[in-house]
Protein backbone atom coordinates (compact mmCIF):
# COMPACT_ATOMS: atom_id res chain seq x y z
CA UNK A 1 92.98 67.61 81.26
CA UNK A 2 91.83 64.39 79.58
CA UNK A 3 92.99 63.51 76.05
CA UNK A 4 90.32 61.85 73.88
CA UNK A 5 91.25 60.02 70.69
CA UNK A 6 89.39 58.23 67.93
CA UNK A 7 90.80 56.33 64.96
CA UNK A 8 90.10 53.29 62.83
CA UNK A 9 91.72 51.09 60.22
CA UNK A 10 90.19 48.69 57.74
CA UNK A 11 92.52 45.70 57.67
CA UNK A 12 92.00 41.94 57.96
CA UNK A 13 92.31 40.73 61.56
CA UNK A 14 92.61 36.96 61.91
CA UNK A 15 93.86 37.06 65.53
CA UNK A 16 91.10 39.04 67.17
CA UNK A 17 90.85 36.93 70.32
CA UNK A 18 94.55 37.31 71.11
CA UNK A 19 94.47 40.98 70.18
CA UNK A 20 91.49 41.60 72.44
CA UNK A 21 93.20 39.98 75.42
CA UNK A 22 96.44 41.90 74.89
CA UNK A 23 94.80 45.29 74.35
CA UNK A 24 92.48 44.82 77.33
CA UNK A 25 95.42 44.26 79.66
CA UNK A 26 97.43 47.16 78.23
CA UNK A 27 94.54 49.63 78.37
CA UNK A 28 93.61 48.65 81.92
CA UNK A 29 97.21 49.00 83.09
CA UNK A 30 97.33 52.52 81.62
CA UNK A 31 94.09 53.56 83.28
CA UNK A 32 92.40 54.23 79.94
CA UNK A 33 88.65 54.44 79.46
CA UNK A 34 86.69 53.86 76.28
CA UNK A 35 86.03 51.21 73.67
CA UNK A 36 88.08 49.32 71.11
CA UNK A 37 86.12 47.35 68.51
CA UNK A 38 87.78 44.47 66.67
CA UNK A 39 86.18 42.86 63.62
CA UNK A 40 87.42 40.72 60.74
CA UNK A 41 87.47 43.94 58.67
CA UNK A 42 89.52 46.05 61.11
CA UNK A 43 89.77 48.11 64.29
CA UNK A 44 87.86 51.10 65.67
CA UNK A 45 89.25 52.99 68.68
CA UNK A 46 87.70 55.48 71.13
CA UNK A 47 89.89 56.12 74.18
CA UNK A 48 90.39 58.73 76.90
CA UNK A 49 93.22 59.16 79.38
CA UNK A 50 96.30 61.10 80.35
CA UNK A 51 98.75 62.33 77.72
CA UNK A 52 101.26 59.68 78.75
CA UNK A 53 98.70 56.87 78.63
CA UNK A 54 97.35 57.93 75.23
CA UNK A 55 100.83 58.30 73.73
CA UNK A 56 101.78 54.87 75.10
CA UNK A 57 98.76 53.05 73.66
CA UNK A 58 99.11 54.78 70.29
CA UNK A 59 102.78 53.74 70.16
CA UNK A 60 101.74 50.20 71.10
CA UNK A 61 99.18 50.05 68.32
CA UNK A 62 101.54 51.52 65.73
CA UNK A 63 104.18 48.91 66.64
CA UNK A 64 101.88 46.39 64.95
CA UNK A 65 102.57 46.76 61.18
CA UNK A 66 98.85 46.53 60.47
CA UNK A 67 98.22 49.71 62.48
CA UNK A 68 101.44 51.59 61.73
CA UNK A 69 99.63 54.39 59.90
CA UNK A 70 96.91 55.08 62.47
CA UNK A 71 96.26 58.82 62.72
CA UNK A 72 94.15 59.49 65.83
CA UNK A 73 91.99 62.59 66.04
CA UNK A 74 92.26 64.35 69.39
CA UNK A 75 90.02 66.47 71.57
CA UNK A 76 90.14 67.58 75.20
CA UNK A 77 87.72 67.31 78.09
CA UNK A 78 87.78 68.01 81.81
CA UNK A 79 86.63 64.47 82.65
CA UNK A 80 86.78 61.13 80.82
CA UNK A 81 83.64 60.83 78.63
CA UNK A 82 83.55 57.05 79.19
CA UNK A 83 82.74 55.11 82.34
CA UNK A 84 84.64 51.90 81.66
CA UNK A 85 87.17 50.24 79.38
CA UNK A 86 85.93 47.64 76.89
CA UNK A 87 87.61 45.73 74.08
CA UNK A 88 84.87 44.06 72.06
CA UNK A 89 84.65 41.63 69.15
CA UNK A 90 82.17 42.58 66.41
CA UNK A 91 81.12 41.24 63.00
CA UNK A 92 81.78 44.65 61.45
CA UNK A 93 83.36 47.74 62.97
CA UNK A 94 80.54 49.67 61.35
CA UNK A 95 77.49 47.66 60.34
CA UNK A 96 76.42 48.11 56.73
CA UNK A 97 75.41 44.50 55.94
CA UNK A 98 77.31 44.56 52.65
CA UNK A 99 80.02 41.94 53.24
CA UNK A 100 81.50 42.29 49.75
CA UNK A 101 82.71 45.79 50.58
CA UNK A 102 86.33 45.44 51.70
CA UNK A 103 87.86 48.91 52.10
CA UNK A 104 91.37 47.55 52.64
CA UNK A 105 91.35 46.34 49.02
CA UNK A 106 91.13 49.92 47.81
CA UNK A 107 89.88 53.14 49.32
CA UNK A 108 87.55 55.54 47.59
CA UNK A 109 89.23 58.86 46.75
CA UNK A 110 89.31 61.27 49.68
CA UNK A 111 89.22 65.04 49.90
CA UNK A 112 90.98 66.96 52.65
CA UNK A 113 89.20 69.45 54.86
CA UNK A 114 91.16 72.34 53.35
CA UNK A 115 90.30 71.38 49.77
CA UNK A 116 86.67 70.74 50.62
CA UNK A 117 86.35 74.20 52.15
CA UNK A 118 87.74 75.68 48.94
CA UNK A 119 85.17 73.74 46.91
CA UNK A 120 82.33 74.85 49.16
CA UNK A 121 83.55 78.46 49.10
CA UNK A 122 83.15 78.59 45.33
CA UNK A 123 80.34 76.06 44.97
CA UNK A 124 82.15 73.60 42.70
CA UNK A 125 85.10 71.22 42.65
CA UNK A 126 88.33 71.74 40.72
CA UNK A 127 86.66 70.41 37.55
CA UNK A 128 83.75 72.81 37.87
CA UNK A 129 81.19 70.19 38.91
CA UNK A 130 78.57 71.05 41.58
CA UNK A 131 79.43 69.56 44.97
CA UNK A 132 76.83 67.59 46.91
CA UNK A 133 77.48 66.88 50.58
CA UNK A 134 75.98 63.52 51.57
CA UNK A 135 75.49 62.89 55.28
CA UNK A 136 75.85 59.16 56.02
CA UNK A 137 74.97 59.45 59.73
CA UNK A 138 71.81 58.52 61.60
CA UNK A 139 68.94 60.96 62.01
CA UNK A 140 69.68 61.85 65.64
CA UNK A 141 73.27 62.70 64.72
CA UNK A 142 72.18 64.89 61.83
CA UNK A 143 69.82 66.71 64.20
CA UNK A 144 72.82 68.00 66.18
CA UNK A 145 74.34 69.64 63.11
CA UNK A 146 75.43 69.09 59.52
CA UNK A 147 76.87 70.86 56.48
CA UNK A 148 74.81 73.52 54.74
CA UNK A 149 72.42 72.03 52.16
CA UNK A 150 73.64 68.50 52.88
CA UNK A 151 71.57 65.55 51.71
CA UNK A 152 70.57 63.01 54.35
CA UNK A 153 68.11 60.13 54.20
CA UNK A 154 66.80 60.25 57.76
CA UNK A 155 68.14 56.79 58.53
CA UNK A 156 67.93 55.18 61.95
CA UNK A 157 70.79 52.74 61.38
CA UNK A 158 73.60 52.66 58.81
CA UNK A 159 72.36 49.45 57.16
CA UNK A 160 69.39 51.48 55.83
CA UNK A 161 71.73 53.64 53.77
CA UNK A 162 72.48 51.36 50.73
CA UNK A 163 68.88 50.81 49.53
CA UNK A 164 67.97 54.47 49.97
CA UNK A 165 71.08 55.51 48.08
CA UNK A 166 70.13 53.18 45.23
CA UNK A 167 66.70 54.84 45.02
CA UNK A 168 68.34 58.27 44.56
CA UNK A 169 71.40 57.31 42.53
CA UNK A 170 70.35 59.25 39.43
CA UNK A 171 70.26 62.50 41.43
CA UNK A 172 74.07 62.52 41.49
CA UNK A 173 74.74 62.34 37.74
CA UNK A 174 77.22 65.02 36.68
CA UNK A 175 77.91 66.06 40.26
CA UNK A 176 80.70 65.44 42.74
CA UNK A 177 79.45 63.68 45.86
CA UNK A 178 81.36 64.05 49.14
CA UNK A 179 80.25 61.57 51.78
CA UNK A 180 80.87 62.57 55.38
CA UNK A 181 80.36 61.27 58.91
CA UNK A 182 81.77 61.89 62.37
CA UNK A 183 85.26 60.45 62.07
CA UNK A 184 85.58 58.91 58.60
CA UNK A 185 84.60 55.28 59.01
CA UNK A 186 81.03 55.34 57.70
CA UNK A 187 81.76 57.78 54.89
CA UNK A 188 84.62 55.55 53.73
CA UNK A 189 82.33 52.54 53.47
CA UNK A 190 79.61 54.67 51.90
CA UNK A 191 81.95 56.10 49.27
CA UNK A 192 83.16 52.65 48.27
CA UNK A 193 79.56 51.51 47.95
CA UNK A 194 78.70 54.55 45.83
CA UNK A 195 81.53 53.75 43.44
CA UNK A 196 80.38 50.12 43.30
CA UNK A 197 76.85 51.08 42.18
CA UNK A 198 78.08 53.40 39.47
CA UNK A 199 78.14 56.91 40.95
CA UNK A 200 81.08 58.34 39.08
CA UNK A 201 82.50 61.30 41.00
CA UNK A 202 82.74 60.30 44.66
CA UNK A 203 84.96 61.40 47.54
CA UNK A 204 84.99 60.74 51.25
CA UNK A 205 85.79 63.58 53.64
CA UNK A 206 89.15 62.54 55.06
CA UNK A 207 88.88 62.20 58.83
CA UNK A 208 85.20 63.16 58.88
CA UNK A 209 83.62 66.14 60.59
CA UNK A 210 86.01 66.08 63.54
CA UNK A 211 89.05 66.42 61.27
CA UNK A 212 87.27 69.18 59.35
CA UNK A 213 86.67 71.06 62.62
CA UNK A 214 90.31 70.55 63.60
CA UNK A 215 91.72 71.88 60.33
CA UNK A 216 89.30 74.58 59.15
CA UNK A 217 86.77 75.15 61.94
CA UNK A 218 83.04 75.37 61.30
CA UNK A 219 82.95 76.99 57.85
CA UNK A 220 79.88 75.82 55.88
CA UNK A 221 78.75 73.71 58.85
CA UNK A 222 75.69 74.48 60.94
CA UNK A 223 75.33 73.29 64.53
CA UNK A 224 77.46 70.81 66.45
CA UNK A 225 78.73 67.28 65.94
CA UNK A 226 77.23 64.33 67.77
CA UNK A 227 79.83 61.99 69.32
CA UNK A 228 79.34 58.57 70.86
CA UNK A 229 80.44 59.30 74.39
CA UNK A 230 79.15 61.20 77.40
CA UNK A 231 79.97 64.58 75.89
CA UNK A 232 77.24 63.88 73.28
CA UNK A 233 77.97 66.91 71.09
CA UNK A 234 81.08 68.92 70.23
CA UNK A 235 81.17 72.42 68.81
CA UNK A 236 83.45 73.44 65.95
CA UNK A 237 86.25 74.23 68.42
CA UNK A 238 86.08 70.57 69.55
CA UNK A 239 84.77 71.52 72.98
CA UNK A 240 81.65 69.99 74.55
CA UNK A 241 78.63 71.98 73.40
CA UNK A 242 76.23 73.45 75.92
CA UNK A 243 73.14 71.91 74.34
CA UNK A 244 72.56 68.16 74.62
CA UNK A 245 71.07 65.84 72.05
CA UNK A 246 69.50 62.60 73.29
CA UNK A 247 68.93 59.52 71.23
């Protein structure tokens, strides 16, 4: 059985070239497949391999103080969902084209999967405000599945999100907005941006849809979750879904 992990961390990386070389050698020696993205703003990891190989690379990453608190999300598959191993340098680990957003300088508040389910069960947050689920993913991802009554803007790329959000900002007055995405990275950036433009009650779904599936299953969610590997979509039990969604 293959162990698949994903995780990210927003943190300044000034030594990306050296880090890329070191991680490439380590991952290759462990027989891992997948992608690690390194940008000035942080790291984004998608890897697949044996239990021993995954545990070894996670321990290696956490030995670096910058990545000590990485919390990978896991799923299983019969075969590796990647064909090669790549460690790549990028301008952003998730492209939003808003360089002034620096998540490491302060995260937006987050809500756990368990608490979010409680809010959705009763239709309001702990303060009694209506809860709006805001999907920050691209249109083809949303097509695979999303939360009930979620708002999405039909975007093709994440950099389209900020101007569309600005056009609809007034819709969120007096409500609690929970941004969500696959694994947490886009909804974290989105939530910080929402706070920056004056939306008052904002949370990010901690760990994204995959963490929600892991902790509470598919409650209040309809369909599957698109993932960026050869599995394409996962069901709420984190198994590859039978249907396939093509970009």
